[in-house]
PDB file of N, CA and C in Angstrom:
ATOM      1  N   MET A   1    -183.403-116.735 159.146  1.00  0.00           N
ATOM      2  CA  MET A   1    -183.626-115.240 158.878  1.00  0.00           C
ATOM      3  C   MET A   1    -183.550-115.282 157.279  1.00  0.00           C
ATOM      4  N   ASN A   2    -184.450-114.598 156.431  1.00  0.00           N
ATOM      5  CA  ASN A   2    -184.267-114.483 155.036  1.00  0.00           C
ATOM      6  C   ASN A   2    -183.176-113.343 154.574  1.00  0.00           C
ATOM      7  N   TRP A   3    -183.166-113.307 153.223  1.00  0.00           N
ATOM      8  CA  TRP A   3    -181.970-112.120 152.832  1.00  0.00           C
ATOM      9  C   TRP A   3    -182.459-110.953 153.154  1.00  0.00           C
ATOM     10  N   VAL A   4    -183.546-110.284 153.101  1.00  0.00           N
ATOM     11  CA  VAL A   4    -184.215-109.255 153.598  1.00  0.00           C
ATOM     12  C   VAL A   4    -184.158-108.788 154.882  1.00  0.00           C
ATOM     13  N   SER A   5    -184.317-109.575 155.692  1.00  0.00           N
ATOM     14  CA  SER A   5    -184.194-109.181 157.144  1.00  0.00           C
ATOM     15  C   SER A   5    -182.729-109.169 157.290  1.00  0.00           C
ATOM     16  N   GLY A   6    -182.021-110.036 156.749  1.00  0.00           N
ATOM     17  CA  GLY A   6    -180.609-109.981 156.990  1.00  0.00           C
ATOM     18  C   GLY A   6    -180.030-108.796 156.560  1.00  0.00           C
ATOM     19  N   LEU A   7    -180.565-108.212 155.338  1.00  0.00           N
ATOM     20  CA  LEU A   7    -179.874-107.109 154.866  1.00  0.00           C
ATOM     21  C   LEU A   7    -180.126-105.757 155.810  1.00  0.00           C
ATOM     22  N   VAL A   8    -181.465-105.850 156.360  1.00  0.00           N
ATOM     23  CA  VAL A   8    -181.699-104.930 157.026  1.00  0.00           C
ATOM     24  C   VAL A   8    -181.067-104.977 158.546  1.00  0.00           C
ATOM     25  N   VAL A   9    -180.764-106.205 159.108  1.00  0.00           N
ATOM     26  CA  VAL A   9    -180.131-106.138 160.314  1.00  0.00           C
ATOM     27  C   VAL A   9    -178.606-105.605 159.987  1.00  0.00           C
ATOM     28  N   TYR A  10    -178.105-105.867 158.816  1.00  0.00           N
ATOM     29  CA  TYR A  10    -176.804-105.408 158.643  1.00  0.00           C
ATOM     30  C   TYR A  10    -176.804-104.373 158.322  1.00  0.00           C
ATOM     31  N   LEU A  11    -177.618-103.500 157.450  1.00  0.00           N
ATOM     32  CA  LEU A  11    -177.587-102.085 157.520  1.00  0.00           C
ATOM     33  C   LEU A  11    -177.704-101.344 158.780  1.00  0.00           C
ATOM     34  N   LEU A  12    -178.603-101.756 159.351  1.00  0.00           N
ATOM     35  CA  LEU A  12    -178.685-101.230 161.099  1.00  0.00           C
ATOM     36  C   LEU A  12    -177.642-101.294 161.765  1.00  0.00           C
ATOM     37  N   LEU A  13    -177.100-102.276 161.970  1.00  0.00           N
ATOM     38  CA  LEU A  13    -175.701-102.473 162.555  1.00  0.00           C
ATOM     39  C   LEU A  13    -174.851-101.500 161.792  1.00  0.00           C
ATOM     40  N   TRP A  14    -174.667-101.368 160.709  1.00  0.00           N
ATOM     41  CA  TRP A  14    -173.581-100.726 159.808  1.00  0.00           C
ATOM     42  C   TRP A  14    -173.689 -99.161 160.359  1.00  0.00           C
ATOM     43  N   TRP A  15    -174.803 -98.811 160.191  1.00  0.00           N
ATOM     44  CA  TRP A  15    -175.111 -97.265 160.818  1.00  0.00           C
ATOM     45  C   TRP A  15    -174.846 -96.987 162.213  1.00  0.00           C
ATOM     46  N   TRP A  16    -175.363 -98.060 163.077  1.00  0.00           N
ATOM     47  CA  TRP A  16    -174.988 -97.934 164.532  1.00  0.00           C
ATOM     48  C   TRP A  16    -173.538 -97.868 164.565  1.00  0.00           C
ATOM     49  N   VAL A  17    -172.661 -98.588 164.177  1.00  0.00           N
ATOM     50  CA  VAL A  17    -171.480 -98.809 163.969  1.00  0.00           C
ATOM     51  C   VAL A  17    -170.770 -97.528 163.752  1.00  0.00           C
ATOM     52  N   PHE A  18    -171.135 -96.938 162.461  1.00  0.00           N
ATOM     53  CA  PHE A  18    -170.561 -96.093 161.798  1.00  0.00           C
ATOM     54  C   PHE A  18    -170.806 -94.684 162.628  1.00  0.00           C
ATOM     55  N   PHE A  19    -171.933 -94.660 163.248  1.00  0.00           N
ATOM     56  CA  PHE A  19    -172.115 -93.338 164.071  1.00  0.00           C
ATOM     57  C   PHE A  19    -171.465 -93.343 165.392  1.00  0.00           C
ATOM     58  N   MET A  20    -170.893 -94.605 165.753  1.00  0.00           N
ATOM     59  CA  MET A  20    -170.230 -94.703 167.010  1.00  0.00           C
ATOM     60  C   MET A  20    -168.720 -94.320 166.791  1.00  0.00           C
ATOM     61  N   THR A  21    -168.314 -94.672 165.616  1.00  0.00           N
ATOM     62  CA  THR A  21    -166.744 -94.413 165.206  1.00  0.00           C
ATOM     63  C   THR A  21    -166.581 -93.016 164.809  1.00  0.00           C
ATOM     64  N   LEU A  22    -167.531 -92.302 164.684  1.00  0.00           N
ATOM     65  CA  LEU A  22    -167.258 -91.150 164.099  1.00  0.00           C
ATOM     66  C   LEU A  22    -166.397 -90.095 165.031  1.00  0.00           C
ATOM     67  N   PRO A  23    -166.463 -89.904 166.229  1.00  0.00           N
ATOM     68  CA  PRO A  23    -165.789 -89.268 167.143  1.00  0.00           C
ATOM     69  C   PRO A  23    -164.316 -89.626 167.401  1.00  0.00           C
ATOM     70  N   PHE A  24    -163.826 -90.759 166.985  1.00  0.00           N
ATOM     71  CA  PHE A  24    -162.597 -91.468 167.206  1.00  0.00           C
ATOM     72  C   PHE A  24    -161.489 -90.806 166.220  1.00  0.00           C
ATOM     73  N   GLY A  25    -160.505 -90.263 166.826  1.00  0.00           N
ATOM     74  CA  GLY A  25    -159.667 -89.549 165.995  1.00  0.00           C
ATOM     75  C   GLY A  25    -159.620 -88.196 165.631  1.00  0.00           C
ATOM     76  N   VAL A  26    -161.071 -87.668 165.809  1.00  0.00           N
ATOM     77  CA  VAL A  26    -160.984 -86.267 165.539  1.00  0.00           C
ATOM     78  C   VAL A  26    -160.308 -85.119 166.284  1.00  0.00           C
ATOM     79  N   LYS A  27    -159.618 -84.135 165.443  1.00  0.00           N
ATOM     80  CA  LYS A  27    -158.956 -83.228 165.963  1.00  0.00           C
ATOM     81  C   LYS A  27    -159.608 -81.791 165.502  1.00  0.00           C
ATOM     82  N   ARG A  28    -159.724 -81.057 166.225  1.00  0.00           N
ATOM     83  CA  ARG A  28    -160.096 -79.566 165.716  1.00  0.00           C
ATOM     84  C   ARG A  28    -159.280 -78.986 165.106  1.00  0.00           C
ATOM     85  N   ASP A  29    -159.590 -77.996 163.963  1.00  0.00           N
ATOM     86  CA  ASP A  29    -158.832 -77.324 163.015  1.00  0.00           C
ATOM     87  C   ASP A  29    -158.647 -75.872 163.931  1.00  0.00           C
ATOM     88  N   GLU A  30    -157.491 -75.841 164.500  1.00  0.00           N
ATOM     89  CA  GLU A  30    -157.276 -74.765 165.069  1.00  0.00           C
ATOM     90  C   GLU A  30    -157.025 -73.451 164.344  1.00  0.00           C
ATOM     91  N   ASN A  31    -156.995 -73.532 163.245  1.00  0.00           N
ATOM     92  CA  ASN A  31    -156.556 -72.460 162.018  1.00  0.00           C
ATOM     93  C   ASN A  31    -157.826 -72.330 161.043  1.00  0.00           C
ATOM     94  N   ALA A  32    -158.964 -72.264 161.536  1.00  0.00           N
ATOM     95  CA  ALA A  32    -160.046 -72.240 160.814  1.00  0.00           C
ATOM     96  C   ALA A  32    -160.155 -70.955 160.203  1.00  0.00           C
ATOM     97  N   GLU A  33    -160.630 -71.158 158.648  1.00  0.00           N
ATOM     98  CA  GLU A  33    -160.429 -69.949 157.758  1.00  0.00           C
ATOM     99  C   GLU A  33    -162.229 -69.449 157.817  1.00  0.00           C
ATOM    100  N   GLU A  34    -162.226 -67.928 157.568  1.00  0.00           N
ATOM    101  CA  GLU A  34    -163.557 -67.425 157.969  1.00  0.00           C
ATOM    102  C   GLU A  34    -164.625 -68.169 157.051  1.00  0.00           C
ATOM    103  N   GLY A  35    -165.876 -68.310 157.800  1.00  0.00           N
ATOM    104  CA  GLY A  35    -167.000 -69.250 157.250  1.00  0.00           C
ATOM    105  C   GLY A  35    -166.992 -70.564 157.601  1.00  0.00           C
ATOM    106  N   HIS A  36    -165.774 -70.966 157.953  1.00  0.00           N
ATOM    107  CA  HIS A  36    -165.820 -72.643 158.728  1.00  0.00           C
ATOM    108  C   HIS A  36    -165.926 -72.599 159.977  1.00  0.00           C
ATOM    109  N   GLU A  37    -166.678 -73.899 160.514  1.00  0.00           N
ATOM    110  CA  GLU A  37    -166.965 -73.953 161.937  1.00  0.00           C
ATOM    111  C   GLU A  37    -165.883 -74.300 162.595  1.00  0.00           C
ATOM    112  N   GLN A  38    -165.333 -73.811 163.691  1.00  0.00           N
ATOM    113  CA  GLN A  38    -164.321 -74.024 164.360  1.00  0.00           C
ATOM    114  C   GLN A  38    -164.066 -75.151 165.157  1.00  0.00           C
ATOM    115  N   GLY A  39    -165.349 -75.850 165.439  1.00  0.00           N
ATOM    116  CA  GLY A  39    -165.115 -77.278 165.860  1.00  0.00           C
ATOM    117  C   GLY A  39    -165.470 -78.295 165.184  1.00  0.00           C
ATOM    118  N   ALA A  40    -165.350 -78.083 163.608  1.00  0.00           N
ATOM    119  CA  ALA A  40    -165.369 -79.052 162.524  1.00  0.00           C
ATOM    120  C   ALA A  40    -163.750 -79.618 162.652  1.00  0.00           C
ATOM    121  N   PRO A  41    -164.081 -81.181 162.301  1.00  0.00           N
ATOM    122  CA  PRO A  41    -162.809 -81.752 162.334  1.00  0.00           C
ATOM    123  C   PRO A  41    -161.720 -81.284 161.077  1.00  0.00           C
ATOM    124  N   GLU A  42    -160.521 -81.608 161.514  1.00  0.00           N
ATOM    125  CA  GLU A  42    -159.552 -80.820 160.365  1.00  0.00           C
ATOM    126  C   GLU A  42    -159.544 -82.107 159.302  1.00  0.00           C
ATOM    127  N   LYS A  43    -159.466 -83.312 159.616  1.00  0.00           N
ATOM    128  CA  LYS A  43    -159.213 -84.661 158.893  1.00  0.00           C
ATOM    129  C   LYS A  43    -160.321 -85.636 159.428  1.00  0.00           C
ATOM    130  N   PRO A  44    -161.511 -85.742 158.774  1.00  0.00           N
ATOM    131  CA  PRO A  44    -162.441 -86.531 159.335  1.00  0.00           C
ATOM    132  C   PRO A  44    -162.336 -88.199 159.320  1.00  0.00           C
ATOM    133  N   MET A  45    -161.334 -88.371 158.233  1.00  0.00           N
ATOM    134  CA  MET A  45    -161.201 -89.746 157.795  1.00  0.00           C
ATOM    135  C   MET A  45    -162.498 -90.612 157.666  1.00  0.00           C
ATOM    136  N   LEU A  46    -163.474 -90.347 156.832  1.00  0.00           N
ATOM    137  CA  LEU A  46    -164.676 -90.941 156.790  1.00  0.00           C
ATOM    138  C   LEU A  46    -164.557 -92.112 156.090  1.00  0.00           C
ATOM    139  N   TRP A  47    -163.601 -92.467 155.186  1.00  0.00           N
ATOM    140  CA  TRP A  47    -163.250 -93.698 154.331  1.00  0.00           C
ATOM    141  C   TRP A  47    -162.638 -94.665 155.448  1.00  0.00           C
ATOM    142  N   ARG A  48    -161.776 -94.225 156.298  1.00  0.00           N
ATOM    143  CA  ARG A  48    -161.391 -95.207 157.517  1.00  0.00           C
ATOM    144  C   ARG A  48    -162.431 -95.718 158.388  1.00  0.00           C
ATOM    145  N   LYS A  49    -163.181 -94.667 158.563  1.00  0.00           N
ATOM    146  CA  LYS A  49    -164.371 -95.286 159.509  1.00  0.00           C
ATOM    147  C   LYS A  49    -165.621 -96.034 158.914  1.00  0.00           C
ATOM    148  N   ALA A  50    -165.655 -95.782 157.684  1.00  0.00           N
ATOM    149  CA  ALA A  50    -166.753 -96.580 156.918  1.00  0.00           C
ATOM    150  C   ALA A  50    -166.176 -97.824 156.579  1.00  0.00           C
ATOM    151  N   ALA A  51    -164.776 -97.964 156.606  1.00  0.00           N
ATOM    152  CA  ALA A  51    -164.443 -99.260 156.188  1.00  0.00           C
ATOM    153  C   ALA A  51    -164.146-100.073 157.811  1.00  0.00           C
ATOM    154  N   ALA A  52    -163.655 -99.456 158.623  1.00  0.00           N
ATOM    155  CA  ALA A  52    -164.023-100.161 159.995  1.00  0.00           C
ATOM    156  C   ALA A  52    -165.544-100.753 160.348  1.00  0.00           C
ATOM    157  N   ALA A  53    -166.462 -99.527 160.177  1.00  0.00           N
ATOM    158  CA  ALA A  53    -167.943-100.074 160.432  1.00  0.00           C
ATOM    159  C   ALA A  53    -168.335-101.291 159.500  1.00  0.00           C
ATOM    160  N   THR A  54    -167.738-101.164 158.227  1.00  0.00           N
ATOM    161  CA  THR A  54    -168.303-102.452 157.703  1.00  0.00           C
ATOM    162  C   THR A  54    -167.695-103.770 158.240  1.00  0.00           C
ATOM    163  N   VAL A  55    -166.175-103.640 158.532  1.00  0.00           N
ATOM    164  CA  VAL A  55    -165.860-104.972 159.164  1.00  0.00           C
ATOM    165  C   VAL A  55    -166.465-105.443 160.672  1.00  0.00           C
ATOM    166  N   ILE A  56    -166.747-104.373 161.464  1.00  0.00           N
ATOM    167  CA  ILE A  56    -167.393-104.502 162.557  1.00  0.00           C
ATOM    168  C   ILE A  56    -168.800-104.731 162.604  1.00  0.00           C
ATOM    169  N   ALA A  57    -169.566-104.563 161.645  1.00  0.00           N
ATOM    170  CA  ALA A  57    -170.826-104.817 161.489  1.00  0.00           C
ATOM    171  C   ALA A  57    -170.962-105.975 160.924  1.00  0.00           C
ATOM    172  N   GLY A  58    -169.801-106.379 160.177  1.00  0.00           N
ATOM    173  CA  GLY A  58    -170.158-107.754 159.667  1.00  0.00           C
ATOM    174  C   GLY A  58    -169.763-108.796 160.655  1.00  0.00           C
ATOM    175  N   VAL A  59    -169.013-108.573 161.682  1.00  0.00           N
ATOM    176  CA  VAL A  59    -168.670-109.491 162.845  1.00  0.00           C
ATOM    177  C   VAL A  59    -170.226-109.528 163.731  1.00  0.00           C
ATOM    178  N   LEU A  60    -170.489-108.498 163.885  1.00  0.00           N
ATOM    179  CA  LEU A  60    -171.980-108.403 164.688  1.00  0.00           C
ATOM    180  C   LEU A  60    -173.060-109.216 163.975  1.00  0.00           C
ATOM    181  N   PHE A  61    -172.970-108.852 162.427  1.00  0.00           N
ATOM    182  CA  PHE A  61    -173.715-109.760 161.768  1.00  0.00           C
ATOM    183  C   PHE A  61    -173.509-110.877 162.123  1.00  0.00           C
ATOM    184  N   VAL A  62    -172.627-111.436 162.042  1.00  0.00           N
ATOM    185  CA  VAL A  62    -172.498-113.027 162.129  1.00  0.00           C
ATOM    186  C   VAL A  62    -172.925-113.502 163.355  1.00  0.00           C
ATOM    187  N   GLY A  63    -172.962-112.693 164.555  1.00  0.00           N
ATOM    188  CA  GLY A  63    -173.118-113.135 165.699  1.00  0.00           C
ATOM    189  C   GLY A  63    -174.476-113.080 165.716  1.00  0.00           C
ATOM    190  N   VAL A  64    -175.422-112.137 165.283  1.00  0.00           N
ATOM    191  CA  VAL A  64    -176.646-111.860 165.307  1.00  0.00           C
ATOM    192  C   VAL A  64    -177.214-113.084 164.419  1.00  0.00           C
ATOM    193  N   TYR A  65    -177.074-113.437 163.248  1.00  0.00           N
ATOM    194  CA  TYR A  65    -177.329-114.269 162.348  1.00  0.00           C
ATOM    195  C   TYR A  65    -177.023-115.696 163.183  1.00  0.00           C
ATOM    196  N   TYR A  66    -176.047-116.171 163.772  1.00  0.00           N
ATOM    197  CA  TYR A  66    -176.084-117.276 164.692  1.00  0.00           C
ATOM    198  C   TYR A  66    -177.240-117.493 165.938  1.00  0.00           C
ATOM    199  N   ILE A  67    -177.368-116.139 166.435  1.00  0.00           N
ATOM    200  CA  ILE A  67    -178.027-116.259 167.596  1.00  0.00           C
ATOM    201  C   ILE A  67    -179.878-116.513 167.047  1.00  0.00           C
ATOM    202  N   VAL A  68    -180.068-115.957 165.953  1.00  0.00           N
ATOM    203  CA  VAL A  68    -181.444-116.043 165.146  1.00  0.00           C
ATOM    204  C   VAL A  68    -181.401-117.354 164.667  1.00  0.00           C
ATOM    205  N   ASP A  69    -180.642-117.813 164.038  1.00  0.00           N
ATOM    206  CA  ASP A  69    -180.618-119.157 163.053  1.00  0.00           C
ATOM    207  C   ASP A  69    -180.639-120.307 164.365  1.00  0.00           C
ATOM    208  N   SER A  70    -179.743-120.343 165.054  1.00  0.00           N
ATOM    209  CA  SER A  70    -179.734-121.506 166.098  1.00  0.00           C
ATOM    210  C   SER A  70    -180.742-121.571 167.027  1.00  0.00           C
ATOM    211  N   GLY A  71    -181.839-120.416 167.043  1.00  0.00           N
ATOM    212  CA  GLY A  71    -183.147-120.497 167.950  1.00  0.00           C
ATOM    213  C   GLY A  71    -182.611-120.004 169.339  1.00  0.00           C
ATOM    214  N   ILE A  72    -181.625-119.620 169.629  1.00  0.00           N
ATOM    215  CA  ILE A  72    -181.537-119.396 171.034  1.00  0.00           C
ATOM    216  C   ILE A  72    -182.566-118.064 171.427  1.00  0.00           C
ATOM    217  N   ILE A  73    -182.670-117.259 170.450  1.00  0.00           N
ATOM    218  CA  ILE A  73    -183.913-115.922 170.561  1.00  0.00           C
ATOM    219  C   ILE A  73    -184.765-116.545 169.291  1.00  0.00           C
ATOM    220  N   SER A  74    -185.971-116.914 169.755  1.00  0.00           N
ATOM    221  CA  SER A  74    -187.004-117.238 168.597  1.00  0.00           C
ATOM    222  C   SER A  74    -188.162-116.072 168.626  1.00  0.00           C
ATOM    223  N   PHE A  75    -188.144-115.263 167.767  1.00  0.00           N
ATOM    224  CA  PHE A  75    -188.903-114.203 167.691  1.00  0.00           C
ATOM    225  C   PHE A  75    -190.344-114.766 167.575  1.00  0.00           C
ATOM    226  N   ARG A  76    -190.358-115.902 166.801  1.00  0.00           N
ATOM    227  CA  ARG A  76    -192.113-116.695 166.649  1.00  0.00           C
ATOM    228  C   ARG A  76    -192.368-117.089 167.989  1.00  0.00           C
ATOM    229  N   GLU A  77    -191.552-117.727 168.724  1.00  0.00           N
ATOM    230  CA  GLU A  77    -192.320-118.162 170.186  1.00  0.00           C
ATOM    231  C   GLU A  77    -192.564-116.914 170.784  1.00  0.00           C
ATOM    232  N   MET A  78    -191.741-115.907 170.820  1.00  0.00           N
ATOM    233  CA  MET A  78    -192.317-114.622 171.388  1.00  0.00           C
ATOM    234  C   MET A  78    -193.498-113.890 171.076  1.00  0.00           C
ATOM    235  N   SER A  79    -193.860-114.198 169.694  1.00  0.00           N
ATOM    236  CA  SER A  79    -194.751-113.612 169.368  1.00  0.00           C
ATOM    237  C   SER A  79    -196.324-114.352 169.767  1.00  0.00           C
ATOM    238  N   LEU A  80    -195.738-115.607 169.809  1.00  0.00           N
ATOM    239  CA  LEU A  80    -196.994-116.429 170.280  1.00  0.00           C
ATOM    240  C   LEU A  80    -197.414-116.358 171.512  1.00  0.00           C
ATOM    241  N   THR A  81    -196.294-116.286 172.590  1.00  0.00           N
ATOM    242  CA  THR A  81    -196.583-116.183 173.949  1.00  0.00           C
ATOM    243  C   THR A  81    -197.208-114.670 174.369  1.00  0.00           C
ATOM    244  N   LEU A  82    -196.749-113.748 173.479  1.00  0.00           N
ATOM    245  CA  LEU A  82    -197.534-112.243 173.636  1.00  0.00           C
ATOM    246  C   LEU A  82    -198.688-112.151 173.142  1.00  0.00           C
ATOM    247  N   GLY A  83    -199.057-113.145 172.013  1.00  0.00           N
ATOM    248  CA  GLY A  83    -200.257-112.743 171.332  1.00  0.00           C
ATOM    249  C   GLY A  83    -201.310-113.395 171.737  1.00  0.00           C
TER     250      GLY A  83
END
């Protein structure tokens, strides 16, 4: 895997994990001011969730890199058999 495809895989994993972590720890603002959505989170903790997504995506990327680099899954062989 070259660095461009590695970067793309990491970014896709990061966004996937980030969207999965968004609902964790969300508490509704019971005393919402006028003009604010009542369902909006009181403290979304986005920095903490971004940091968690970075670590988790890094671990997943190492696994994906190992699988692709070791040849367990070969996309070149799959393209030859399908083509």
